[in-house]
Structure formats: structure tokens, C-alpha cells
Amino acid sequence: MAAPSTAFVQQYQDTITLLAQQTDNRLRGAVMVDTNWTGEKKFYDQYGTDELEEIVGRLQDTPLQSPDHERRMITPRYFVSNTLEDPFEALQMLSDPKSVYMQAKQAAIARKVDNLIAVALGATAYSGKTGTTSVTLGSAQKTSVDAAGLTLAKLVSAKEILDSNEVDKEDRTLVHASDQMSDLLNVTTNVSADYNSVKALVQGEIDTWVGFKFIHSEQLELSSTERQVYAFQKKGMQLAIQKEAEGRLTERPDKNYAWQVYVRIALGVTRLEEERVVCIPCTES
């Protein structure tokens, strides 16, 4: 006689869920966005400061000042993701995976946009008439390097650097990883109601502090135990979209009419102005 367990059945969920991952685009709204781009490269012309000269004599010659023109260049980068759903394997599944494939690819696009922005904050930018002059983020745009995480002192220092550069007070962003938020939530002065709203403790997050809008991103560069955190003003960063994210769901006759789930995007990012970006090195435990 067979054991009762022979008649036991196994039940499977008839839907597919995404594993934990970033699915939203967080940094696009914090930078300048240009969607009008056709061509191999795109250049952004800039103009510096003018100064007034005093007239001290009658019928004095009109002073002449040289214009202070500059230019930044963006080159496009192309990204795709493509998955085939085998028609025979699909017959053995309880649920159709095409929808979750497309969701995963849309999430990958959101992460890629954030990643390119995060990298461009501290990367070499290209300037000059033809974009052949490399420009790095100098030491004047960095807070002191020490063995500490993100502290109030570092935030104040970043604010001071931007203020001294006469950077707009509006649209300032502090992009950080999870470790830096833990640093701030553990700061005694920060958890006091005198320094921040109770929401920071209830939600476990900080929305705006020291003039910065806080945005969490795990796309920031981590070298060994040092994370490069950035404070920046919107006009300092340019995202150029040559081709907005586009998805296709098509059948492939050459693959026994398998469904192909395909997405693509073409874009580029550059730092427009060093004075609007501050690097804050933070040690992670």
C-alpha cells in the first residue's frame, strides 16, 4: 500500500515577481535634461563673468573686454537589453514571463541613467571648441578627506564651497548611499527635534537638510571603503537624451517564433561646471 504522501501535491504561484532592486529613476530630475539631440556629438556653449570698469575722465576711451566663452561636449552612449522567451519552455510555465522581463528591463534603464549621472559627477569632462580639453574636478571642490563617514561638518563644508562660488541656493542635491544615511541618523544633533523634523526618525530618512535635497543611490563609486558622495546644483550637470528608452515585444520567425523582449536607450552625461559640484569622500565601515 502506498503512503498517503504519494497523493500530496505541490502548488506554485502563478505570477513572477521581481527580486529586490532599484526600479525607479532618482537622479534625472536633479540635473538639466535635454531631449533635443541629433548628431554625433552635442556641445553646450557657456559664458563667464563680466566686470565693470570705472570712467574717471571726460571723453575717455570706451573700454573693451574680451568675451569669456566656454563650451562642454557630450558624446552619446548606446545601451540595449534583449531576452528571448523560448516558445516551448513557455508552454511549461504557469505564467507568461514576458511582462516581468519588460519590467526588469525598464528597471535596468532607470539604474543605468542614475549610474551615468553618478559617474559623471566626478568624471573628466571635455571642454573647448572641439571638446578636446579635459577638465577634472579639482581639490577646491572637495571636502577634507578623513576617516569619517558623512557628518554635519562635511555637509556644512560642502555648502560653504557652493556658497563661496555664488551657486544658486535652489535645486541643490546631496546624493548618498545607504551607509551615509545611517551616519546622519546616528548624529545626536540630527535626531533632535531642534535640528530636524520628527519625520526623519519615523521614516528613517532625511528629505532636506542644510539646503540639500537628499537622494539615495547605490550607484555612487565605492573604492575599497571610501564612497564618493556628491553635493551639486542642478545647473552643474547635463543629461542629454538622444533616444528615449524604447521597448519592443516582437516575434522572431528565425527562432521558432519566440517572443523577443527588447529595450534600448541612447544618452550622454557631462558635468557642465565644476563650481556647482562638490565631492564628499566618506569612509564606510
C-alpha atoms as a PDB file:
ATOM      1  CA  MET A   1       0.000   0.000   0.000  1.00  0.00           C
ATOM      2  CA  ALA A   2       1.426   3.413  -0.993  1.00  0.00           C
ATOM      3  CA  ALA A   3       1.962   6.043   1.690  1.00  0.00           C
ATOM      4  CA  PRO A   4      -0.536   8.934   1.819  1.00  0.00           C
ATOM      5  CA  SER A   5       2.283  11.282   0.825  1.00  0.00           C
ATOM      6  CA  THR A   6       2.040   9.877  -2.689  1.00  0.00           C
ATOM      7  CA  ALA A   7      -1.107  11.900  -3.181  1.00  0.00           C
ATOM      8  CA  PHE A   8       0.376  15.120  -1.865  1.00  0.00           C
ATOM      9  CA  VAL A   9       0.508  17.931  -4.431  1.00  0.00           C
ATOM     10  CA  GLN A  10       2.787  20.889  -4.874  1.00  0.00           C
ATOM     11  CA  GLN A  11       1.348  24.320  -5.535  1.00  0.00           C
ATOM     12  CA  TYR A  12       3.178  27.096  -7.365  1.00  0.00           C
ATOM     13  CA  GLN A  13       2.419  30.765  -7.550  1.00  0.00           C
ATOM     14  CA  ASP A  14       1.020  31.694 -10.950  1.00  0.00           C
ATOM     15  CA  THR A  15       2.865  35.033 -11.102  1.00  0.00           C
ATOM     16  CA  ILE A  16       6.518  36.040 -11.302  1.00  0.00           C
ATOM     17  CA  THR A  17       7.821  38.809  -9.044  1.00  0.00           C
ATOM     18  CA  LEU A  18      10.954  40.886  -9.369  1.00  0.00           C
ATOM     19  CA  LEU A  19      13.717  40.420  -6.813  1.00  0.00           C
ATOM     20  CA  ALA A  20      14.807  43.421  -4.742  1.00  0.00           C
ATOM     21  CA  GLN A  21      16.320  46.074  -6.999  1.00  0.00           C
ATOM     22  CA  GLN A  22      16.137  49.757  -7.845  1.00  0.00           C
ATOM     23  CA  THR A  23      13.229  50.202 -10.242  1.00  0.00           C
ATOM     24  CA  ASP A  24      12.830  53.997 -10.319  1.00  0.00           C
ATOM     25  CA  ASN A  25      14.866  56.791 -11.863  1.00  0.00           C
ATOM     26  CA  ARG A  26      16.040  59.008  -8.985  1.00  0.00           C
ATOM     27  CA  LEU A  27      18.637  61.447 -10.336  1.00  0.00           C
ATOM     28  CA  ARG A  28      17.150  62.511 -13.671  1.00  0.00           C
ATOM     29  CA  GLY A  29      15.029  65.205 -12.042  1.00  0.00           C
ATOM     30  CA  ALA A  30      18.047  66.622 -10.191  1.00  0.00           C
ATOM     31  CA  VAL A  31      20.005  67.545 -13.352  1.00  0.00           C
ATOM     32  CA  MET A  32      19.450  69.515 -16.548  1.00  0.00           C
ATOM     33  CA  VAL A  33      17.750  67.348 -19.193  1.00  0.00           C
ATOM     34  CA  ASP A  34      17.953  67.893 -22.958  1.00  0.00           C
ATOM     35  CA  THR A  35      15.943  65.639 -25.278  1.00  0.00           C
ATOM     36  CA  ASN A  36      16.673  67.563 -28.494  1.00  0.00           C
ATOM     37  CA  TRP A  37      19.750  65.825 -29.878  1.00  0.00           C
ATOM     38  CA  THR A  38      20.586  64.727 -33.392  1.00  0.00           C
ATOM     39  CA  GLY A  39      24.168  64.152 -34.425  1.00  0.00           C
ATOM     40  CA  GLU A  40      27.448  62.575 -33.445  1.00  0.00           C
ATOM     41  CA  LYS A  41      28.170  64.952 -30.559  1.00  0.00           C
ATOM     42  CA  LYS A  42      26.467  67.803 -28.767  1.00  0.00           C
ATOM     43  CA  PHE A  43      28.055  70.975 -27.447  1.00  0.00           C
ATOM     44  CA  TYR A  44      26.783  73.316 -24.747  1.00  0.00           C
ATOM     45  CA  ASP A  45      28.037  76.890 -25.020  1.00  0.00           C
ATOM     46  CA  GLN A  46      28.630  78.848 -21.826  1.00  0.00           C
ATOM     47  CA  TYR A  47      29.558  82.374 -20.871  1.00  0.00           C
ATOM     48  CA  GLY A  48      31.524  83.531 -17.856  1.00  0.00           C
ATOM     49  CA  THR A  49      31.507  86.750 -15.851  1.00  0.00           C
ATOM     50  CA  ASP A  50      31.848  90.374 -16.936  1.00  0.00           C
ATOM     51  CA  GLU A  51      33.268  93.200 -14.849  1.00  0.00           C
ATOM     52  CA  LEU A  52      32.534  96.935 -14.896  1.00  0.00           C
ATOM     53  CA  GLU A  53      35.310  99.467 -15.454  1.00  0.00           C
ATOM     54  CA  GLU A  54      35.085 102.932 -13.983  1.00  0.00           C
ATOM     55  CA  ILE A  55      35.141 106.000 -16.217  1.00  0.00           C
ATOM     56  CA  VAL A  56      37.322 108.611 -14.495  1.00  0.00           C
ATOM     57  CA  GLY A  57      37.876 111.238 -17.203  1.00  0.00           C
ATOM     58  CA  ARG A  58      35.995 113.343 -19.715  1.00  0.00           C
ATOM     59  CA  LEU A  59      35.644 111.750 -23.167  1.00  0.00           C
ATOM     60  CA  GLN A  60      37.658 108.753 -22.017  1.00  0.00           C
ATOM     61  CA  ASP A  61      38.101 105.897 -24.488  1.00  0.00           C
ATOM     62  CA  THR A  62      35.430 103.249 -24.257  1.00  0.00           C
ATOM     63  CA  PRO A  63      36.950 100.184 -22.544  1.00  0.00           C
ATOM     64  CA  LEU A  64      36.858  96.868 -24.385  1.00  0.00           C
ATOM     65  CA  GLN A  65      36.609  93.498 -22.655  1.00  0.00           C
ATOM     66  CA  SER A  66      37.237  90.106 -24.200  1.00  0.00           C
ATOM     67  CA  PRO A  67      34.221  87.776 -24.062  1.00  0.00           C
ATOM     68  CA  ASP A  68      34.523  84.763 -21.780  1.00  0.00           C
ATOM     69  CA  HIS A  69      33.056  81.933 -23.866  1.00  0.00           C
ATOM     70  CA  GLU A  70      33.343  78.269 -22.907  1.00  0.00           C
ATOM     71  CA  ARG A  71      31.905  75.013 -24.208  1.00  0.00           C
ATOM     72  CA  ARG A  72      31.226  71.497 -22.915  1.00  0.00           C
ATOM     73  CA  MET A  73      30.816  68.375 -25.036  1.00  0.00           C
ATOM     74  CA  ILE A  74      28.668  65.250 -24.704  1.00  0.00           C
ATOM     75  CA  THR A  75      29.091  62.107 -26.776  1.00  0.00           C
ATOM     76  CA  PRO A  76      26.294  59.514 -26.940  1.00  0.00           C
ATOM     77  CA  ARG A  77      26.432  56.074 -25.391  1.00  0.00           C
ATOM     78  CA  TYR A  78      24.137  53.269 -26.503  1.00  0.00           C
ATOM     79  CA  PHE A  79      22.645  50.564 -24.281  1.00  0.00           C
ATOM     80  CA  VAL A  80      20.345  47.638 -25.049  1.00  0.00           C
ATOM     81  CA  SER A  81      18.863  44.652 -23.227  1.00  0.00           C
ATOM     82  CA  ASN A  82      17.318  41.714 -25.032  1.00  0.00           C
ATOM     83  CA  THR A  83      15.716  38.451 -23.858  1.00  0.00           C
ATOM     84  CA  LEU A  84      14.069  35.648 -25.821  1.00  0.00           C
ATOM     85  CA  GLU A  85      11.170  33.659 -24.425  1.00  0.00           C
ATOM     86  CA  ASP A  86      11.509  30.104 -25.757  1.00  0.00           C
ATOM     87  CA  PRO A  87       8.071  29.111 -27.124  1.00  0.00           C
ATOM     88  CA  PHE A  88       8.315  25.544 -25.880  1.00  0.00           C
ATOM     89  CA  GLU A  89       9.602  26.460 -22.429  1.00  0.00           C
ATOM     90  CA  ALA A  90       6.722  28.946 -22.156  1.00  0.00           C
ATOM     91  CA  LEU A  91       4.288  26.052 -22.543  1.00  0.00           C
ATOM     92  CA  GLN A  92       5.676  24.561 -19.333  1.00  0.00           C
ATOM     93  CA  MET A  93       5.282  27.711 -17.261  1.00  0.00           C
ATOM     94  CA  LEU A  94       2.262  28.621 -15.177  1.00  0.00           C
ATOM     95  CA  SER A  95       2.656  32.305 -16.006  1.00  0.00           C
ATOM     96  CA  ASP A  96       3.750  34.322 -19.008  1.00  0.00           C
ATOM     97  CA  PRO A  97       7.189  35.840 -18.219  1.00  0.00           C
ATOM     98  CA  LYS A  98       7.166  38.492 -20.959  1.00  0.00           C
ATOM     99  CA  SER A  99       5.652  41.138 -18.680  1.00  0.00           C
ATOM    100  CA  VAL A 100       8.192  40.678 -15.908  1.00  0.00           C
ATOM    101  CA  TYR A 101      11.006  40.613 -18.486  1.00  0.00           C
ATOM    102  CA  MET A 102       9.934  44.069 -19.652  1.00  0.00           C
ATOM    103  CA  GLN A 103       9.590  45.331 -16.066  1.00  0.00           C
ATOM    104  CA  ALA A 104      13.132  44.165 -15.291  1.00  0.00           C
ATOM    105  CA  LYS A 105      14.493  45.906 -18.378  1.00  0.00           C
ATOM    106  CA  GLN A 106      12.728  49.161 -17.535  1.00  0.00           C
ATOM    107  CA  ALA A 107      14.289  48.972 -14.074  1.00  0.00           C
ATOM    108  CA  ALA A 108      17.697  48.369 -15.681  1.00  0.00           C
ATOM    109  CA  ILE A 109      17.262  51.526 -17.759  1.00  0.00           C
ATOM    110  CA  ALA A 110      16.402  53.571 -14.651  1.00  0.00           C
ATOM    111  CA  ARG A 111      19.542  52.298 -12.905  1.00  0.00           C
ATOM    112  CA  LYS A 112      21.717  52.946 -15.953  1.00  0.00           C
ATOM    113  CA  VAL A 113      20.596  56.594 -16.190  1.00  0.00           C
ATOM    114  CA  ASP A 114      21.338  57.087 -12.475  1.00  0.00           C
ATOM    115  CA  ASN A 115      24.685  55.316 -12.839  1.00  0.00           C
ATOM    116  CA  LEU A 116      25.827  57.543 -15.694  1.00  0.00           C
ATOM    117  CA  ILE A 117      24.865  60.675 -13.756  1.00  0.00           C
ATOM    118  CA  ALA A 118      26.598  59.424 -10.595  1.00  0.00           C
ATOM    119  CA  VAL A 119      29.797  58.636 -12.507  1.00  0.00           C
ATOM    120  CA  ALA A 120      29.760  61.922 -14.457  1.00  0.00           C
ATOM    121  CA  LEU A 121      29.648  63.953 -11.235  1.00  0.00           C
ATOM    122  CA  GLY A 122      33.312  63.179 -10.625  1.00  0.00           C
ATOM    123  CA  ALA A 123      34.483  62.086 -14.075  1.00  0.00           C
ATOM    124  CA  THR A 124      36.589  64.003 -16.581  1.00  0.00           C
ATOM    125  CA  ALA A 125      34.557  66.479 -18.620  1.00  0.00           C
ATOM    126  CA  TYR A 126      35.551  67.736 -22.063  1.00  0.00           C
ATOM    127  CA  SER A 127      35.701  71.402 -22.989  1.00  0.00           C
ATOM    128  CA  GLY A 128      36.957  73.671 -25.746  1.00  0.00           C
ATOM    129  CA  LYS A 129      35.862  74.412 -29.309  1.00  0.00           C
ATOM    130  CA  THR A 130      36.023  70.755 -30.364  1.00  0.00           C
ATOM    131  CA  GLY A 131      35.788  69.164 -26.925  1.00  0.00           C
ATOM    132  CA  THR A 132      39.438  68.119 -26.757  1.00  0.00           C
ATOM    133  CA  THR A 133      40.336  69.818 -23.462  1.00  0.00           C
ATOM    134  CA  SER A 134      39.893  67.549 -20.445  1.00  0.00           C
ATOM    135  CA  VAL A 135      38.630  69.093 -17.208  1.00  0.00           C
ATOM    136  CA  THR A 136      38.750  67.352 -13.842  1.00  0.00           C
ATOM    137  CA  LEU A 137      37.055  68.163 -10.548  1.00  0.00           C
ATOM    138  CA  GLY A 138      39.780  69.978  -8.643  1.00  0.00           C
ATOM    139  CA  SER A 139      40.723  69.768  -4.981  1.00  0.00           C
ATOM    140  CA  ALA A 140      38.962  73.086  -4.298  1.00  0.00           C
ATOM    141  CA  GLN A 141      35.695  71.259  -4.981  1.00  0.00           C
ATOM    142  CA  LYS A 142      36.295  68.520  -2.411  1.00  0.00           C
ATOM    143  CA  THR A 143      35.730  68.462   1.318  1.00  0.00           C
ATOM    144  CA  SER A 144      38.537  67.259   3.557  1.00  0.00           C
ATOM    145  CA  VAL A 145      39.443  63.584   3.271  1.00  0.00           C
ATOM    146  CA  ASP A 146      39.368  61.826   6.634  1.00  0.00           C
ATOM    147  CA  ALA A 147      38.393  58.501   8.121  1.00  0.00           C
ATOM    148  CA  ALA A 148      34.853  59.586   8.913  1.00  0.00           C
ATOM    149  CA  GLY A 149      31.528  58.934   7.247  1.00  0.00           C
ATOM    150  CA  LEU A 150      29.047  61.642   6.307  1.00  0.00           C
ATOM    151  CA  THR A 151      28.926  64.224   9.071  1.00  0.00           C
ATOM    152  CA  LEU A 152      27.223  67.544   9.667  1.00  0.00           C
ATOM    153  CA  ALA A 153      30.632  69.212   9.375  1.00  0.00           C
ATOM    154  CA  LYS A 154      31.098  67.788   5.871  1.00  0.00           C
ATOM    155  CA  LEU A 155      27.645  68.967   4.816  1.00  0.00           C
ATOM    156  CA  VAL A 156      28.388  72.459   6.107  1.00  0.00           C
ATOM    157  CA  SER A 157      31.736  72.415   4.304  1.00  0.00           C
ATOM    158  CA  ALA A 158      30.049  71.423   1.016  1.00  0.00           C
ATOM    159  CA  LYS A 159      27.508  74.206   1.477  1.00  0.00           C
ATOM    160  CA  GLU A 160      30.296  76.691   2.150  1.00  0.00           C
ATOM    161  CA  ILE A 161      32.100  75.704  -1.060  1.00  0.00           C
ATOM    162  CA  LEU A 162      28.961  76.187  -3.142  1.00  0.00           C
ATOM    163  CA  ASP A 163      28.093  79.444  -1.386  1.00  0.00           C
ATOM    164  CA  SER A 164      31.588  80.843  -1.938  1.00  0.00           C
ATOM    165  CA  ASN A 165      31.182  80.075  -5.651  1.00  0.00           C
ATOM    166  CA  GLU A 166      27.913  82.072  -5.665  1.00  0.00           C
ATOM    167  CA  VAL A 167      25.991  78.944  -6.712  1.00  0.00           C
ATOM    168  CA  ASP A 168      22.189  79.211  -6.738  1.00  0.00           C
ATOM    169  CA  LYS A 169      20.583  78.204  -3.450  1.00  0.00           C
ATOM    170  CA  GLU A 170      17.704  76.465  -5.243  1.00  0.00           C
ATOM    171  CA  ASP A 171      17.850  72.918  -6.658  1.00  0.00           C
ATOM    172  CA  ARG A 172      20.772  71.711  -4.559  1.00  0.00           C
ATOM    173  CA  THR A 173      21.063  67.930  -4.201  1.00  0.00           C
ATOM    174  CA  LEU A 174      23.015  65.606  -1.913  1.00  0.00           C
ATOM    175  CA  VAL A 175      23.250  62.135  -3.444  1.00  0.00           C
ATOM    176  CA  HIS A 176      24.288  59.469  -0.950  1.00  0.00           C
ATOM    177  CA  ALA A 177      24.324  55.718  -0.373  1.00  0.00           C
ATOM    178  CA  SER A 178      22.599  53.885   2.489  1.00  0.00           C
ATOM    179  CA  ASP A 179      25.679  53.975   4.730  1.00  0.00           C
ATOM    180  CA  GLN A 180      25.736  57.788   4.733  1.00  0.00           C
ATOM    181  CA  MET A 181      22.092  57.998   5.778  1.00  0.00           C
ATOM    182  CA  SER A 182      22.920  55.749   8.725  1.00  0.00           C
ATOM    183  CA  ASP A 183      25.756  58.125   9.622  1.00  0.00           C
ATOM    184  CA  LEU A 184      23.396  61.090   9.773  1.00  0.00           C
ATOM    185  CA  LEU A 185      20.592  59.315  11.616  1.00  0.00           C
ATOM    186  CA  ASN A 186      23.110  58.419  14.307  1.00  0.00           C
ATOM    187  CA  VAL A 187      24.224  62.026  14.767  1.00  0.00           C
ATOM    188  CA  THR A 188      22.826  63.302  18.081  1.00  0.00           C
ATOM    189  CA  THR A 189      22.126  66.813  16.821  1.00  0.00           C
ATOM    190  CA  ASN A 190      20.377  65.465  13.758  1.00  0.00           C
ATOM    191  CA  VAL A 191      17.916  63.257  15.634  1.00  0.00           C
ATOM    192  CA  SER A 192      16.979  66.128  17.923  1.00  0.00           C
ATOM    193  CA  ALA A 193      13.671  67.811  17.095  1.00  0.00           C
ATOM    194  CA  ASP A 194      15.548  71.118  17.334  1.00  0.00           C
ATOM    195  CA  TYR A 195      17.549  70.227  14.242  1.00  0.00           C
ATOM    196  CA  ASN A 196      15.176  68.200  12.115  1.00  0.00           C
ATOM    197  CA  SER A 197      11.554  67.142  11.834  1.00  0.00           C
ATOM    198  CA  VAL A 198      10.267  64.065  13.608  1.00  0.00           C
ATOM    199  CA  LYS A 199       9.647  62.535  10.180  1.00  0.00           C
ATOM    200  CA  ALA A 200      13.363  61.749   9.859  1.00  0.00           C
ATOM    201  CA  LEU A 201      13.066  59.362  12.795  1.00  0.00           C
ATOM    202  CA  VAL A 202       9.689  57.921  11.829  1.00  0.00           C
ATOM    203  CA  GLN A 203      10.560  57.273   8.184  1.00  0.00           C
ATOM    204  CA  GLY A 204      14.266  56.564   8.731  1.00  0.00           C
ATOM    205  CA  GLU A 205      15.198  59.137   6.107  1.00  0.00           C
ATOM    206  CA  ILE A 206      16.086  62.790   5.671  1.00  0.00           C
ATOM    207  CA  ASP A 207      14.352  64.743   2.923  1.00  0.00           C
ATOM    208  CA  THR A 208      16.050  68.152   3.063  1.00  0.00           C
ATOM    209  CA  TRP A 209      18.816  69.357   5.362  1.00  0.00           C
ATOM    210  CA  VAL A 210      21.477  72.123   5.240  1.00  0.00           C
ATOM    211  CA  GLY A 211      19.864  73.302   1.995  1.00  0.00           C
ATOM    212  CA  PHE A 212      20.248  69.972   0.172  1.00  0.00           C
ATOM    213  CA  LYS A 213      17.573  67.639  -1.172  1.00  0.00           C
ATOM    214  CA  PHE A 214      18.703  64.149  -0.177  1.00  0.00           C
ATOM    215  CA  ILE A 215      18.554  61.396  -2.810  1.00  0.00           C
ATOM    216  CA  HIS A 216      19.552  57.817  -2.072  1.00  0.00           C
ATOM    217  CA  SER A 217      21.538  55.963  -4.731  1.00  0.00           C
ATOM    218  CA  GLU A 218      23.763  52.903  -4.570  1.00  0.00           C
ATOM    219  CA  GLN A 219      25.285  53.889  -7.926  1.00  0.00           C
ATOM    220  CA  LEU A 220      27.953  56.107  -6.354  1.00  0.00           C
ATOM    221  CA  GLU A 221      31.549  54.958  -6.731  1.00  0.00           C
ATOM    222  CA  LEU A 222      32.926  52.864  -3.864  1.00  0.00           C
ATOM    223  CA  SER A 223      36.691  52.334  -3.825  1.00  0.00           C
ATOM    224  CA  SER A 224      37.717  49.941  -1.058  1.00  0.00           C
ATOM    225  CA  THR A 225      35.988  51.544   1.953  1.00  0.00           C
ATOM    226  CA  GLU A 226      35.671  55.080   0.546  1.00  0.00           C
ATOM    227  CA  ARG A 227      32.437  56.226  -1.065  1.00  0.00           C
ATOM    228  CA  GLN A 228      32.368  59.343  -3.257  1.00  0.00           C
ATOM    229  CA  VAL A 229      29.286  61.307  -2.186  1.00  0.00           C
ATOM    230  CA  TYR A 230      28.310  64.448  -4.096  1.00  0.00           C
ATOM    231  CA  ALA A 231      26.586  67.728  -3.374  1.00  0.00           C
ATOM    232  CA  PHE A 232      25.630  69.605  -6.519  1.00  0.00           C
ATOM    233  CA  GLN A 233      23.349  72.212  -8.021  1.00  0.00           C
ATOM    234  CA  LYS A 234      21.104  71.309 -10.943  1.00  0.00           C
ATOM    235  CA  LYS A 235      22.750  73.626 -13.487  1.00  0.00           C
ATOM    236  CA  GLY A 236      26.082  71.892 -12.926  1.00  0.00           C
ATOM    237  CA  MET A 237      25.063  68.624 -14.592  1.00  0.00           C
ATOM    238  CA  GLN A 238      23.676  67.931 -18.073  1.00  0.00           C
ATOM    239  CA  LEU A 239      21.861  64.786 -19.182  1.00  0.00           C
ATOM    240  CA  ALA A 240      21.309  64.619 -22.950  1.00  0.00           C
ATOM    241  CA  ILE A 241      18.909  62.014 -24.349  1.00  0.00           C
ATOM    242  CA  GLN A 242      19.491  61.162 -27.987  1.00  0.00           C
ATOM    243  CA  LYS A 243      16.889  58.389 -27.905  1.00  0.00           C
ATOM    244  CA  GLU A 244      14.441  57.973 -25.046  1.00  0.00           C
ATOM    245  CA  ALA A 245      14.001  54.495 -23.595  1.00  0.00           C
ATOM    246  CA  GLU A 246      12.124  52.371 -26.105  1.00  0.00           C
ATOM    247  CA  GLY A 247      10.786  48.840 -25.730  1.00  0.00           C
ATOM    248  CA  ARG A 248       9.772  46.291 -28.352  1.00  0.00           C
ATOM    249  CA  LEU A 249       7.915  42.998 -27.998  1.00  0.00           C
ATOM    250  CA  THR A 250       8.161  41.072 -31.261  1.00  0.00           C
ATOM    251  CA  GLU A 251       8.093  37.508 -32.580  1.00  0.00           C
ATOM    252  CA  ARG A 252      11.251  36.030 -34.091  1.00  0.00           C
ATOM    253  CA  PRO A 253      10.453  33.699 -37.036  1.00  0.00           C
ATOM    254  CA  ASP A 254      14.123  32.638 -37.111  1.00  0.00           C
ATOM    255  CA  LYS A 255      13.795  31.402 -33.509  1.00  0.00           C
ATOM    256  CA  ASN A 256      10.624  29.301 -33.929  1.00  0.00           C
ATOM    257  CA  TYR A 257       8.516  32.417 -33.317  1.00  0.00           C
ATOM    258  CA  ALA A 258       9.976  33.025 -29.888  1.00  0.00           C
ATOM    259  CA  TRP A 259       8.971  36.303 -28.299  1.00  0.00           C
ATOM    260  CA  GLN A 260      11.794  38.849 -28.129  1.00  0.00           C
ATOM    261  CA  VAL A 261      11.693  41.405 -25.289  1.00  0.00           C
ATOM    262  CA  TYR A 262      13.976  44.285 -26.247  1.00  0.00           C
ATOM    263  CA  VAL A 263      14.748  47.762 -24.875  1.00  0.00           C
ATOM    264  CA  ARG A 264      17.258  50.441 -25.846  1.00  0.00           C
ATOM    265  CA  ILE A 265      18.333  53.946 -24.918  1.00  0.00           C
ATOM    266  CA  ALA A 266      20.922  56.439 -26.218  1.00  0.00           C
ATOM    267  CA  LEU A 267      22.217  59.174 -23.925  1.00  0.00           C
ATOM    268  CA  GLY A 268      25.189  61.027 -22.531  1.00  0.00           C
ATOM    269  CA  VAL A 269      26.006  62.956 -19.351  1.00  0.00           C
ATOM    270  CA  THR A 270      28.591  65.586 -18.509  1.00  0.00           C
ATOM    271  CA  ARG A 271      29.488  67.974 -15.735  1.00  0.00           C
ATOM    272  CA  LEU A 272      28.850  71.488 -17.043  1.00  0.00           C
ATOM    273  CA  GLU A 273      30.587  73.460 -14.321  1.00  0.00           C
ATOM    274  CA  GLU A 274      32.977  72.347 -11.595  1.00  0.00           C
ATOM    275  CA  GLU A 275      31.974  75.170  -9.247  1.00  0.00           C
ATOM    276  CA  ARG A 276      28.492  73.667  -8.920  1.00  0.00           C
ATOM    277  CA  VAL A 277      29.705  70.201  -7.836  1.00  0.00           C
ATOM    278  CA  VAL A 278      31.348  69.174  -4.545  1.00  0.00           C
ATOM    279  CA  CYS A 279      32.814  65.738  -3.804  1.00  0.00           C
ATOM    280  CA  ILE A 280      32.473  64.499  -0.228  1.00  0.00           C
ATOM    281  CA  PRO A 281      34.668  61.417   0.435  1.00  0.00           C
ATOM    282  CA  CYS A 282      33.080  59.204   3.091  1.00  0.00           C
ATOM    283  CA  THR A 283      34.529  56.149   4.761  1.00  0.00           C
ATOM    284  CA  GLU A 284      32.215  53.166   5.093  1.00  0.00           C
ATOM    285  CA  SER A 285      32.610  50.592   7.813  1.00  0.00           C
END
